[in-house]
Amino acid sequence: MKDKKETTDFIVTTTNGTRWGTTAASFAQVRREFFGKHFGSGMEIDTIERGRLFTHEEEAEMDREKDIERCR
């Protein structure tokens, strides 16, 4: 496998329209490893594209919200 620094963000869309974010070194690696990470063996990949589901700022905000919820 390629060095961790050489990974790229991908958006995987399943045939039912669900979008998943994943990180891999290539499109082939996404196809090989996607179903090992996510439950639901009945899912099929519709498309794979480069990109992020959320910006870094949006992810940071979601992390802050999770931290607040955990403290309650």
Protein backbone atom coordinates (compact mmCIF):
# COMPACT_ATOMS: atom_id res chain seq x y z
CA MET A 1 0.00 0.00 0.00
CA LYS A 2 1.16 3.52 -0.65
CA ASP A 3 2.46 5.76 2.09
CA LYS A 4 -0.28 7.28 4.27
CA LYS A 5 0.78 10.75 3.08
CA GLU A 6 -0.20 9.85 -0.48
CA THR A 7 -3.88 9.20 0.25
CA THR A 8 -6.74 11.18 -1.25
CA ASP A 9 -10.30 11.84 -0.13
CA PHE A 10 -13.05 10.17 -2.14
CA ILE A 11 -16.84 10.34 -2.18
CA VAL A 12 -18.53 6.99 -2.78
CA THR A 13 -22.17 7.08 -3.86
CA THR A 14 -24.16 3.85 -3.55
CA THR A 15 -26.98 2.85 -5.88
CA ASN A 16 -29.56 3.93 -3.29
CA GLY A 17 -28.06 7.46 -3.25
CA THR A 18 -26.20 7.33 0.06
CA ARG A 19 -22.91 9.22 0.00
CA TRP A 20 -19.91 8.06 2.03
CA GLY A 21 -16.56 9.74 2.59
CA THR A 22 -13.43 7.61 2.56
CA THR A 23 -9.68 8.02 2.21
CA ALA A 24 -7.51 5.82 0.00
CA ALA A 25 -4.50 5.87 -2.29
CA SER A 26 -6.47 5.09 -5.48
CA PHE A 27 -9.90 4.41 -6.97
CA ALA A 28 -9.02 0.70 -7.03
CA GLN A 29 -8.25 0.70 -3.31
CA VAL A 30 -11.62 2.36 -2.61
CA ARG A 31 -13.42 -0.37 -4.59
CA ARG A 32 -11.46 -3.17 -2.84
CA GLU A 33 -11.77 -1.90 0.72
CA PHE A 34 -15.05 0.00 0.83
CA PHE A 35 -17.28 -2.88 1.89
CA GLY A 36 -14.86 -4.04 4.58
CA LYS A 37 -15.27 -0.69 6.36
CA HIS A 38 -19.02 -0.23 6.02
CA PHE A 39 -21.80 -2.54 7.04
CA GLY A 40 -24.50 -3.60 4.61
CA SER A 41 -23.27 -6.24 2.23
CA GLY A 42 -26.24 -5.45 -0.04
CA MET A 43 -24.80 -2.04 -0.96
CA GLU A 44 -23.44 -1.51 -4.45
CA ILE A 45 -21.17 1.31 -5.56
CA ASP A 46 -22.71 3.63 -8.14
CA THR A 47 -19.93 6.21 -8.47
CA ILE A 48 -16.59 7.13 -6.95
CA GLU A 49 -15.24 10.65 -7.25
CA ARG A 50 -12.41 12.63 -5.73
CA GLY A 51 -13.46 15.12 -3.12
CA ARG A 52 -14.56 15.64 0.47
CA LEU A 53 -18.07 15.37 1.83
CA PHE A 54 -17.41 18.25 4.23
CA THR A 55 -14.89 21.08 4.35
CA HIS A 56 -12.25 21.07 7.09
CA GLU A 57 -14.20 23.83 8.86
CA GLU A 58 -17.45 21.83 8.76
CA GLU A 59 -15.67 18.76 10.14
CA ALA A 60 -14.14 20.82 12.94
CA GLU A 61 -17.59 22.20 13.83
CA MET A 62 -19.10 18.70 13.87
CA ASP A 63 -16.26 17.49 16.11
CA ARG A 64 -16.93 20.37 18.53
CA GLU A 65 -20.65 19.50 18.58
CA LYS A 66 -19.84 15.83 19.29
CA ASP A 67 -17.56 16.87 22.17
CA ILE A 68 -20.33 19.00 23.66
CA GLU A 69 -22.82 16.12 23.41
CA ARG A 70 -20.37 13.70 25.05
CA CYS A 71 -19.97 16.01 28.02
CA ARG A 72 -23.71 16.14 28.73
